[in-house]
Amino acid sequence: MAEKWKPILSEPRAARLYVACYFDDPEPYLTIKKSLESAFGKSDYESQSIDTELLMPLYTNTARRILRLLSFRRQIGREEIVDVRKRTLAMETGLQQMARPLVELDPGYVTEFTVVRTSLKDDFHHIYFYSGIFGESLCYFENGSFRPFLQTPELYRTDAVLAAFNDLRLIHVTEQ
């Protein structure tokens, strides 16, 4: 009798965790950064401050003005991203003023070929993980650089953010 066919399944390689931090005042950001390092280990990458006001003019009353991307030495399994999102939501809740987080956190991960972020909303291009958390592919790697998808939000299409993701990819692939 012939042997039964069985698909070959493999675990994906670890990913590089990043957290996009949106804030107005540097003081709460530094507090959150300490909390993030306590939860996820020492950070080894921090982007320059990126001004978000010009990119989100419709949301200037609610959107934070500064974005910084933080990344951590510890690699994560891609399945961990839901737990990471839950922990960052708890951090946001713990540091708020007038029922609004002082620092908004948007975690995701970078791999050799893609950038993914988490979301709390369902949309046509989001993939449901579990526990109310969705994933969104922001960029794909082609011709030596990350490129945004058509549905990628404007902020994540900027040269400064793409350069930061390319830096994170370079760190990620050289550590493997």
N, C-alpha and C. Protein backbone atom coordinates (compact mmCIF):
# COMPACT_ATOMS: atom_id res chain seq x y z
N MET A 1 0.84 -1.17 0.00
CA MET A 1 0.00 0.00 0.00
C MET A 1 0.89 1.25 0.00
N ALA A 2 0.48 2.27 -0.73
CA ALA A 2 1.24 3.51 -0.85
C ALA A 2 1.16 4.30 0.45
N GLU A 3 2.21 5.03 0.70
CA GLU A 3 2.24 5.88 1.87
C GLU A 3 1.25 7.03 1.72
N LYS A 4 0.67 7.44 2.84
CA LYS A 4 -0.30 8.52 2.85
C LYS A 4 0.42 9.87 2.76
N TRP A 5 -0.11 10.76 1.93
CA TRP A 5 0.47 12.10 1.81
C TRP A 5 0.18 12.90 3.06
N LYS A 6 1.17 13.66 3.50
CA LYS A 6 1.01 14.52 4.66
C LYS A 6 1.71 15.83 4.37
N PRO A 7 1.02 16.96 4.56
CA PRO A 7 1.66 18.25 4.27
C PRO A 7 2.80 18.53 5.25
N ILE A 8 3.79 19.21 4.75
CA ILE A 8 4.92 19.61 5.59
C ILE A 8 4.61 20.99 6.17
N LEU A 9 4.48 21.04 7.47
CA LEU A 9 4.20 22.30 8.15
C LEU A 9 5.45 22.72 8.92
N SER A 10 5.72 24.00 8.89
CA SER A 10 6.87 24.49 9.64
C SER A 10 6.49 25.76 10.39
N GLU A 11 7.13 25.96 11.51
CA GLU A 11 6.91 27.17 12.29
C GLU A 11 7.63 28.33 11.62
N PRO A 12 6.98 29.49 11.54
CA PRO A 12 7.69 30.65 10.96
C PRO A 12 8.80 31.11 11.89
N ARG A 13 9.78 31.78 11.32
CA ARG A 13 10.86 32.33 12.12
C ARG A 13 10.32 33.45 13.01
N ALA A 14 11.06 33.73 14.04
CA ALA A 14 10.67 34.79 14.98
C ALA A 14 10.58 36.13 14.24
N ALA A 15 9.86 37.05 14.83
CA ALA A 15 9.67 38.38 14.25
C ALA A 15 10.24 39.43 15.20
N ARG A 16 10.44 40.62 14.67
CA ARG A 16 10.97 41.74 15.45
C ARG A 16 9.80 42.60 15.91
N LEU A 17 9.58 42.66 17.20
CA LEU A 17 8.50 43.45 17.78
C LEU A 17 8.81 44.94 17.68
N TYR A 18 7.82 45.73 17.29
CA TYR A 18 7.93 47.18 17.39
C TYR A 18 6.64 47.71 18.01
N VAL A 19 6.73 48.87 18.60
CA VAL A 19 5.55 49.56 19.12
C VAL A 19 5.62 50.99 18.62
N ALA A 20 4.57 51.39 17.90
CA ALA A 20 4.43 52.78 17.47
C ALA A 20 3.81 53.54 18.63
N CYS A 21 4.48 54.58 19.09
CA CYS A 21 4.02 55.37 20.24
C CYS A 21 3.62 56.76 19.74
N TYR A 22 2.36 57.11 19.94
CA TYR A 22 1.85 58.43 19.55
C TYR A 22 1.64 59.25 20.81
N PHE A 23 2.16 60.46 20.84
CA PHE A 23 2.07 61.27 22.05
C PHE A 23 2.21 62.75 21.70
N ASP A 24 1.89 63.59 22.68
CA ASP A 24 2.07 65.03 22.56
C ASP A 24 3.21 65.51 23.48
N ASP A 25 3.25 64.96 24.68
CA ASP A 25 4.20 65.39 25.70
C ASP A 25 5.25 64.29 25.93
N PRO A 26 6.54 64.64 25.87
CA PRO A 26 7.59 63.62 26.05
C PRO A 26 7.60 62.94 27.42
N GLU A 27 7.11 63.61 28.45
CA GLU A 27 7.18 63.03 29.79
C GLU A 27 6.37 61.72 29.91
N PRO A 28 5.09 61.69 29.51
CA PRO A 28 4.36 60.41 29.56
C PRO A 28 4.98 59.36 28.62
N TYR A 29 5.55 59.81 27.51
CA TYR A 29 6.22 58.88 26.59
C TYR A 29 7.36 58.15 27.30
N LEU A 30 8.17 58.90 28.06
CA LEU A 30 9.29 58.28 28.77
C LEU A 30 8.80 57.29 29.83
N THR A 31 7.66 57.60 30.45
CA THR A 31 7.07 56.69 31.43
C THR A 31 6.62 55.40 30.73
N ILE A 32 5.95 55.55 29.60
CA ILE A 32 5.48 54.38 28.84
C ILE A 32 6.67 53.58 28.32
N LYS A 33 7.71 54.26 27.88
CA LYS A 33 8.89 53.56 27.36
C LYS A 33 9.47 52.65 28.44
N LYS A 34 9.53 53.14 29.68
CA LYS A 34 10.01 52.31 30.79
C LYS A 34 9.10 51.10 31.00
N SER A 35 7.80 51.31 30.92
CA SER A 35 6.85 50.20 31.07
C SER A 35 7.01 49.18 29.95
N LEU A 36 7.21 49.67 28.73
CA LEU A 36 7.39 48.77 27.59
C LEU A 36 8.67 47.95 27.77
N GLU A 37 9.75 48.59 28.21
CA GLU A 37 11.01 47.87 28.42
C GLU A 37 10.88 46.87 29.56
N SER A 38 10.10 47.20 30.55
CA SER A 38 9.87 46.26 31.65
C SER A 38 9.10 45.03 31.15
N ALA A 39 8.16 45.26 30.25
CA ALA A 39 7.32 44.17 29.75
C ALA A 39 7.99 43.34 28.66
N PHE A 40 8.74 43.99 27.76
CA PHE A 40 9.24 43.31 26.55
C PHE A 40 10.76 43.25 26.45
N GLY A 41 11.46 43.78 27.43
CA GLY A 41 12.92 43.76 27.40
C GLY A 41 13.49 45.07 26.89
N LYS A 42 14.78 45.15 26.94
CA LYS A 42 15.48 46.38 26.56
C LYS A 42 15.20 46.75 25.10
N SER A 43 14.93 48.03 24.88
CA SER A 43 14.77 48.51 23.51
C SER A 43 16.15 48.72 22.91
N ASP A 44 16.27 48.43 21.63
CA ASP A 44 17.55 48.64 20.97
C ASP A 44 17.41 49.51 19.72
N TYR A 45 16.21 50.01 19.50
CA TYR A 45 16.00 50.92 18.37
C TYR A 45 14.89 51.90 18.75
N GLU A 46 15.14 53.17 18.49
CA GLU A 46 14.14 54.21 18.69
C GLU A 46 14.27 55.19 17.53
N SER A 47 13.18 55.37 16.80
CA SER A 47 13.22 56.27 15.66
C SER A 47 13.27 57.72 16.13
N GLN A 48 13.58 58.60 15.22
CA GLN A 48 13.45 60.03 15.48
C GLN A 48 11.97 60.35 15.65
N SER A 49 11.66 61.48 16.25
CA SER A 49 10.26 61.91 16.35
C SER A 49 9.75 62.26 14.96
N ILE A 50 8.57 61.76 14.64
CA ILE A 50 7.94 62.02 13.35
C ILE A 50 6.67 62.83 13.62
N ASP A 51 6.59 63.98 12.98
CA ASP A 51 5.44 64.87 13.15
C ASP A 51 4.25 64.29 12.40
N THR A 52 3.14 64.08 13.10
CA THR A 52 1.96 63.49 12.48
C THR A 52 0.89 64.52 12.11
N GLU A 53 1.01 65.75 12.55
CA GLU A 53 -0.04 66.75 12.32
C GLU A 53 -0.33 67.00 10.84
N LEU A 54 0.69 67.09 10.02
CA LEU A 54 0.50 67.36 8.61
C LEU A 54 -0.11 66.17 7.88
N LEU A 55 0.07 64.98 8.43
CA LEU A 55 -0.42 63.78 7.77
C LEU A 55 -1.85 63.44 8.13
N MET A 56 -2.31 63.94 9.26
CA MET A 56 -3.66 63.63 9.70
C MET A 56 -4.44 64.90 10.03
N PRO A 57 -4.61 65.80 9.06
CA PRO A 57 -5.25 67.08 9.37
C PRO A 57 -6.71 66.95 9.80
N LEU A 58 -7.39 65.91 9.38
CA LEU A 58 -8.79 65.74 9.76
C LEU A 58 -8.93 65.32 11.21
N TYR A 59 -7.86 64.80 11.80
CA TYR A 59 -7.93 64.26 13.15
C TYR A 59 -7.14 65.10 14.15
N THR A 60 -6.82 66.34 13.83
CA THR A 60 -5.93 67.12 14.71
C THR A 60 -6.50 67.30 16.11
N ASN A 61 -7.81 67.22 16.30
CA ASN A 61 -8.36 67.35 17.64
C ASN A 61 -8.18 66.08 18.46
N THR A 62 -8.02 64.93 17.79
CA THR A 62 -7.92 63.68 18.52
C THR A 62 -6.57 63.00 18.33
N ALA A 63 -5.90 63.23 17.24
CA ALA A 63 -4.64 62.52 16.97
C ALA A 63 -3.49 63.14 17.74
N ARG A 64 -2.56 62.30 18.11
CA ARG A 64 -1.35 62.76 18.77
C ARG A 64 -0.41 63.34 17.73
N ARG A 65 0.42 64.30 18.15
CA ARG A 65 1.26 65.05 17.20
C ARG A 65 2.60 64.40 16.88
N ILE A 66 3.07 63.50 17.74
CA ILE A 66 4.40 62.94 17.56
C ILE A 66 4.31 61.41 17.52
N LEU A 67 5.09 60.81 16.64
CA LEU A 67 5.19 59.36 16.55
C LEU A 67 6.65 58.96 16.73
N ARG A 68 6.87 57.93 17.53
CA ARG A 68 8.18 57.30 17.64
C ARG A 68 7.98 55.80 17.58
N LEU A 69 8.86 55.13 16.84
CA LEU A 69 8.83 53.68 16.77
C LEU A 69 9.92 53.12 17.68
N LEU A 70 9.54 52.20 18.53
CA LEU A 70 10.47 51.51 19.43
C LEU A 70 10.53 50.05 19.04
N SER A 71 11.70 49.47 19.12
CA SER A 71 11.85 48.05 18.88
C SER A 71 12.69 47.46 20.00
N PHE A 72 12.55 46.16 20.20
CA PHE A 72 13.14 45.50 21.35
C PHE A 72 14.07 44.37 20.92
N ARG A 73 15.08 44.12 21.75
CA ARG A 73 16.06 43.07 21.45
C ARG A 73 15.41 41.70 21.32
N ARG A 74 14.47 41.42 22.22
CA ARG A 74 13.85 40.09 22.24
C ARG A 74 12.96 39.89 21.02
N GLN A 75 13.23 38.84 20.27
CA GLN A 75 12.37 38.48 19.14
C GLN A 75 11.09 37.85 19.70
N ILE A 76 10.02 37.89 18.94
CA ILE A 76 8.77 37.28 19.39
C ILE A 76 8.28 36.27 18.36
N GLY A 77 7.55 35.29 18.87
CA GLY A 77 6.80 34.41 17.98
C GLY A 77 5.61 35.22 17.45
N ARG A 78 5.28 35.06 16.21
CA ARG A 78 4.22 35.88 15.62
C ARG A 78 2.89 35.72 16.34
N GLU A 79 2.66 34.55 16.91
CA GLU A 79 1.41 34.31 17.64
C GLU A 79 1.33 35.12 18.94
N GLU A 80 2.45 35.65 19.41
CA GLU A 80 2.49 36.44 20.64
C GLU A 80 1.88 37.84 20.47
N ILE A 81 1.68 38.28 19.25
CA ILE A 81 1.29 39.66 19.00
C ILE A 81 -0.05 40.03 19.65
N VAL A 82 -0.95 39.07 19.77
CA VAL A 82 -2.24 39.35 20.43
C VAL A 82 -2.00 39.66 21.90
N ASP A 83 -1.18 38.87 22.57
CA ASP A 83 -0.88 39.14 23.98
C ASP A 83 -0.14 40.47 24.14
N VAL A 84 0.74 40.78 23.19
CA VAL A 84 1.44 42.07 23.23
C VAL A 84 0.43 43.20 23.14
N ARG A 85 -0.54 43.09 22.23
CA ARG A 85 -1.55 44.14 22.08
C ARG A 85 -2.36 44.31 23.36
N LYS A 86 -2.71 43.21 24.00
CA LYS A 86 -3.47 43.30 25.25
C LYS A 86 -2.67 44.01 26.33
N ARG A 87 -1.37 43.70 26.41
CA ARG A 87 -0.53 44.35 27.41
C ARG A 87 -0.39 45.84 27.13
N THR A 88 -0.25 46.22 25.85
CA THR A 88 -0.12 47.66 25.55
C THR A 88 -1.44 48.39 25.81
N LEU A 89 -2.56 47.73 25.60
CA LEU A 89 -3.85 48.35 25.93
C LEU A 89 -3.95 48.61 27.43
N ALA A 90 -3.47 47.69 28.24
CA ALA A 90 -3.47 47.88 29.69
C ALA A 90 -2.57 49.05 30.08
N MET A 91 -1.44 49.20 29.40
CA MET A 91 -0.54 50.33 29.67
C MET A 91 -1.21 51.66 29.32
N GLU A 92 -1.90 51.69 28.18
CA GLU A 92 -2.62 52.91 27.79
C GLU A 92 -3.66 53.28 28.84
N THR A 93 -4.39 52.28 29.31
CA THR A 93 -5.43 52.50 30.31
C THR A 93 -4.85 53.03 31.60
N GLY A 94 -3.66 52.57 31.96
CA GLY A 94 -3.03 52.99 33.20
C GLY A 94 -2.47 54.40 33.18
N LEU A 95 -2.32 54.98 32.00
CA LEU A 95 -1.74 56.32 31.89
C LEU A 95 -2.64 57.18 31.01
N GLN A 96 -3.67 57.72 31.64
CA GLN A 96 -4.61 58.53 30.87
C GLN A 96 -5.01 59.79 31.64
N GLN A 97 -5.58 60.69 30.90
CA GLN A 97 -6.05 61.96 31.47
C GLN A 97 -7.36 62.31 30.77
N MET A 98 -8.35 62.64 31.56
CA MET A 98 -9.68 62.98 31.02
C MET A 98 -10.18 61.86 30.09
N ALA A 99 -10.06 60.63 30.56
CA ALA A 99 -10.55 59.44 29.86
C ALA A 99 -9.92 59.25 28.48
N ARG A 100 -8.68 59.67 28.34
CA ARG A 100 -7.95 59.52 27.07
C ARG A 100 -6.49 59.18 27.35
N PRO A 101 -5.96 58.15 26.70
CA PRO A 101 -4.56 57.80 26.93
C PRO A 101 -3.62 58.96 26.59
N LEU A 102 -2.60 59.16 27.42
CA LEU A 102 -1.61 60.19 27.13
C LEU A 102 -0.63 59.74 26.06
N VAL A 103 -0.45 58.43 25.94
CA VAL A 103 0.37 57.84 24.88
C VAL A 103 -0.44 56.70 24.28
N GLU A 104 -0.63 56.76 22.98
CA GLU A 104 -1.35 55.69 22.28
C GLU A 104 -0.32 54.73 21.69
N LEU A 105 -0.54 53.44 21.90
CA LEU A 105 0.42 52.42 21.50
C LEU A 105 -0.17 51.54 20.41
N ASP A 106 0.62 51.28 19.40
CA ASP A 106 0.19 50.50 18.25
C ASP A 106 1.27 49.46 17.93
N PRO A 107 1.21 48.26 18.55
CA PRO A 107 2.27 47.28 18.35
C PRO A 107 2.12 46.50 17.04
N GLY A 108 3.23 45.97 16.60
CA GLY A 108 3.26 45.13 15.41
C GLY A 108 4.59 44.42 15.33
N TYR A 109 4.85 43.82 14.18
CA TYR A 109 6.14 43.15 14.01
C TYR A 109 6.65 43.29 12.59
N VAL A 110 7.98 43.15 12.48
CA VAL A 110 8.67 43.21 11.20
C VAL A 110 9.32 41.85 10.98
N THR A 111 9.17 41.32 9.77
CA THR A 111 9.86 40.10 9.38
C THR A 111 10.73 40.44 8.17
N GLU A 112 11.32 39.43 7.61
CA GLU A 112 12.18 39.65 6.45
C GLU A 112 11.41 40.23 5.27
N PHE A 113 10.13 39.89 5.16
CA PHE A 113 9.37 40.28 3.98
C PHE A 113 8.14 41.14 4.22
N THR A 114 7.77 41.39 5.47
CA THR A 114 6.54 42.13 5.70
C THR A 114 6.56 42.91 7.01
N VAL A 115 5.70 43.93 7.07
CA VAL A 115 5.45 44.68 8.30
C VAL A 115 3.97 44.51 8.62
N VAL A 116 3.68 44.12 9.86
CA VAL A 116 2.30 43.88 10.30
C VAL A 116 2.05 44.73 11.53
N ARG A 117 0.86 45.27 11.64
CA ARG A 117 0.47 45.96 12.88
C ARG A 117 -0.85 45.39 13.36
N THR A 118 -1.16 45.63 14.61
CA THR A 118 -2.41 45.15 15.16
C THR A 118 -3.47 46.23 15.06
N SER A 119 -4.71 45.79 15.13
CA SER A 119 -5.84 46.70 15.07
C SER A 119 -6.96 46.15 15.93
N LEU A 120 -7.83 47.03 16.38
CA LEU A 120 -9.00 46.61 17.15
C LEU A 120 -10.26 46.63 16.29
N LYS A 121 -10.11 47.00 15.03
CA LYS A 121 -11.27 47.15 14.14
C LYS A 121 -11.22 46.15 13.00
N ASP A 122 -12.38 45.70 12.63
CA ASP A 122 -12.51 44.83 11.46
C ASP A 122 -12.57 45.71 10.21
N ASP A 123 -11.93 45.27 9.17
CA ASP A 123 -11.95 45.99 7.90
C ASP A 123 -11.68 44.98 6.80
N PHE A 124 -11.91 45.35 5.55
CA PHE A 124 -11.78 44.40 4.45
C PHE A 124 -10.38 43.82 4.31
N HIS A 125 -9.37 44.52 4.76
CA HIS A 125 -7.99 44.05 4.62
C HIS A 125 -7.37 43.61 5.95
N HIS A 126 -8.16 43.50 7.00
CA HIS A 126 -7.67 43.04 8.29
C HIS A 126 -7.96 41.55 8.44
N ILE A 127 -7.08 40.86 9.16
CA ILE A 127 -7.24 39.44 9.42
C ILE A 127 -7.50 39.27 10.92
N TYR A 128 -8.53 38.52 11.25
CA TYR A 128 -8.85 38.31 12.66
C TYR A 128 -7.91 37.27 13.26
N PHE A 129 -7.31 37.62 14.43
CA PHE A 129 -6.50 36.66 15.16
C PHE A 129 -7.40 35.99 16.20
N TYR A 130 -7.59 36.64 17.34
CA TYR A 130 -8.52 36.19 18.38
C TYR A 130 -8.59 37.27 19.44
N SER A 131 -9.54 37.13 20.37
CA SER A 131 -9.72 38.07 21.49
C SER A 131 -9.93 39.50 21.04
N GLY A 132 -10.58 39.70 19.91
CA GLY A 132 -10.88 41.06 19.43
C GLY A 132 -9.71 41.76 18.76
N ILE A 133 -8.64 41.04 18.45
CA ILE A 133 -7.45 41.63 17.86
C ILE A 133 -7.34 41.19 16.39
N PHE A 134 -7.07 42.16 15.53
CA PHE A 134 -6.90 41.92 14.10
C PHE A 134 -5.47 42.25 13.71
N GLY A 135 -5.04 41.75 12.58
CA GLY A 135 -3.74 42.08 12.03
C GLY A 135 -3.92 42.77 10.69
N GLU A 136 -3.00 43.66 10.38
CA GLU A 136 -3.03 44.40 9.11
C GLU A 136 -1.62 44.42 8.52
N SER A 137 -1.48 43.92 7.32
CA SER A 137 -0.19 44.02 6.62
C SER A 137 -0.03 45.45 6.12
N LEU A 138 1.07 46.08 6.50
CA LEU A 138 1.32 47.47 6.10
C LEU A 138 2.22 47.56 4.89
N CYS A 139 3.26 46.72 4.85
CA CYS A 139 4.29 46.83 3.81
C CYS A 139 4.78 45.45 3.41
N TYR A 140 5.32 45.38 2.21
CA TYR A 140 5.99 44.18 1.72
C TYR A 140 7.37 44.59 1.22
N PHE A 141 8.31 43.65 1.26
CA PHE A 141 9.69 43.95 0.88
C PHE A 141 9.90 43.61 -0.59
N GLU A 142 10.39 44.60 -1.36
CA GLU A 142 10.63 44.41 -2.78
C GLU A 142 11.74 45.35 -3.24
N ASN A 143 12.65 44.85 -4.04
CA ASN A 143 13.74 45.65 -4.60
C ASN A 143 14.53 46.42 -3.54
N GLY A 144 14.83 45.76 -2.42
CA GLY A 144 15.69 46.35 -1.41
C GLY A 144 15.04 47.31 -0.44
N SER A 145 13.68 47.41 -0.44
CA SER A 145 13.01 48.33 0.46
C SER A 145 11.58 47.88 0.72
N PHE A 146 11.05 48.31 1.86
CA PHE A 146 9.63 48.07 2.12
C PHE A 146 8.79 49.01 1.27
N ARG A 147 7.69 48.50 0.78
CA ARG A 147 6.73 49.27 -0.03
C ARG A 147 5.35 49.13 0.61
N PRO A 148 4.59 50.22 0.68
CA PRO A 148 3.25 50.14 1.29
C PRO A 148 2.23 49.51 0.33
N PHE A 149 1.23 48.88 0.91
CA PHE A 149 0.09 48.40 0.13
C PHE A 149 -0.84 49.57 -0.16
N LEU A 150 -1.77 49.39 -1.06
CA LEU A 150 -2.72 50.46 -1.39
C LEU A 150 -3.53 50.92 -0.18
N GLN A 151 -3.89 49.99 0.70
CA GLN A 151 -4.72 50.33 1.85
C GLN A 151 -3.92 50.81 3.06
N THR A 152 -2.60 50.84 2.97
CA THR A 152 -1.77 51.27 4.09
C THR A 152 -2.08 52.73 4.44
N PRO A 153 -2.32 53.03 5.72
CA PRO A 153 -2.61 54.41 6.12
C PRO A 153 -1.49 55.37 5.71
N GLU A 154 -1.86 56.60 5.45
CA GLU A 154 -0.94 57.62 4.96
C GLU A 154 0.31 57.77 5.83
N LEU A 155 0.15 57.75 7.13
CA LEU A 155 1.28 57.92 8.02
C LEU A 155 2.34 56.84 7.80
N TYR A 156 1.90 55.62 7.56
CA TYR A 156 2.83 54.51 7.37
C TYR A 156 3.41 54.45 5.96
N ARG A 157 3.06 55.39 5.13
CA ARG A 157 3.61 55.49 3.77
C ARG A 157 4.75 56.52 3.68
N THR A 158 4.96 57.27 4.75
CA THR A 158 5.95 58.35 4.71
C THR A 158 7.36 57.78 4.64
N ASP A 159 8.27 58.57 4.08
CA ASP A 159 9.66 58.15 3.95
C ASP A 159 10.29 57.86 5.31
N ALA A 160 9.96 58.68 6.32
CA ALA A 160 10.55 58.50 7.65
C ALA A 160 10.13 57.17 8.28
N VAL A 161 8.86 56.80 8.14
CA VAL A 161 8.37 55.55 8.72
C VAL A 161 8.92 54.36 7.93
N LEU A 162 8.92 54.46 6.61
CA LEU A 162 9.47 53.37 5.79
C LEU A 162 10.96 53.17 6.07
N ALA A 163 11.69 54.26 6.27
CA ALA A 163 13.12 54.16 6.61
C ALA A 163 13.30 53.45 7.95
N ALA A 164 12.44 53.77 8.92
CA ALA A 164 12.52 53.10 10.22
C ALA A 164 12.24 51.60 10.08
N PHE A 165 11.23 51.24 9.29
CA PHE A 165 10.93 49.82 9.08
C PHE A 165 12.09 49.12 8.36
N ASN A 166 12.72 49.80 7.41
CA ASN A 166 13.88 49.22 6.73
C ASN A 166 15.04 49.01 7.71
N ASP A 167 15.23 49.97 8.63
CA ASP A 167 16.25 49.81 9.67
C ASP A 167 15.94 48.59 10.55
N LEU A 168 14.68 48.45 10.94
CA LEU A 168 14.28 47.31 11.77
C LEU A 168 14.48 45.99 11.04
N ARG A 169 14.17 45.98 9.75
CA ARG A 169 14.37 44.77 8.95
C ARG A 169 15.85 44.40 8.92
N LEU A 170 16.70 45.39 8.71
CA LEU A 170 18.13 45.14 8.65
C LEU A 170 18.64 44.55 9.97
N ILE A 171 18.21 45.11 11.09
CA ILE A 171 18.57 44.56 12.41
C ILE A 171 18.06 43.13 12.51
N HIS A 172 16.83 42.92 12.10
CA HIS A 172 16.20 41.60 12.21
C HIS A 172 16.94 40.54 11.41
N VAL A 173 17.25 40.82 10.16
CA VAL A 173 17.89 39.79 9.32
C VAL A 173 19.35 39.56 9.70
N THR A 174 20.02 40.55 10.26
CA THR A 174 21.42 40.34 10.64
C THR A 174 21.54 39.58 11.96
N GLU A 175 20.48 39.58 12.77
CA GLU A 175 20.50 38.85 14.04
C GLU A 175 20.12 37.39 13.90
N GLN A 176 19.59 37.00 12.77
CA GLN A 176 19.14 35.61 12.62
C GLN A 176 20.26 34.69 12.25
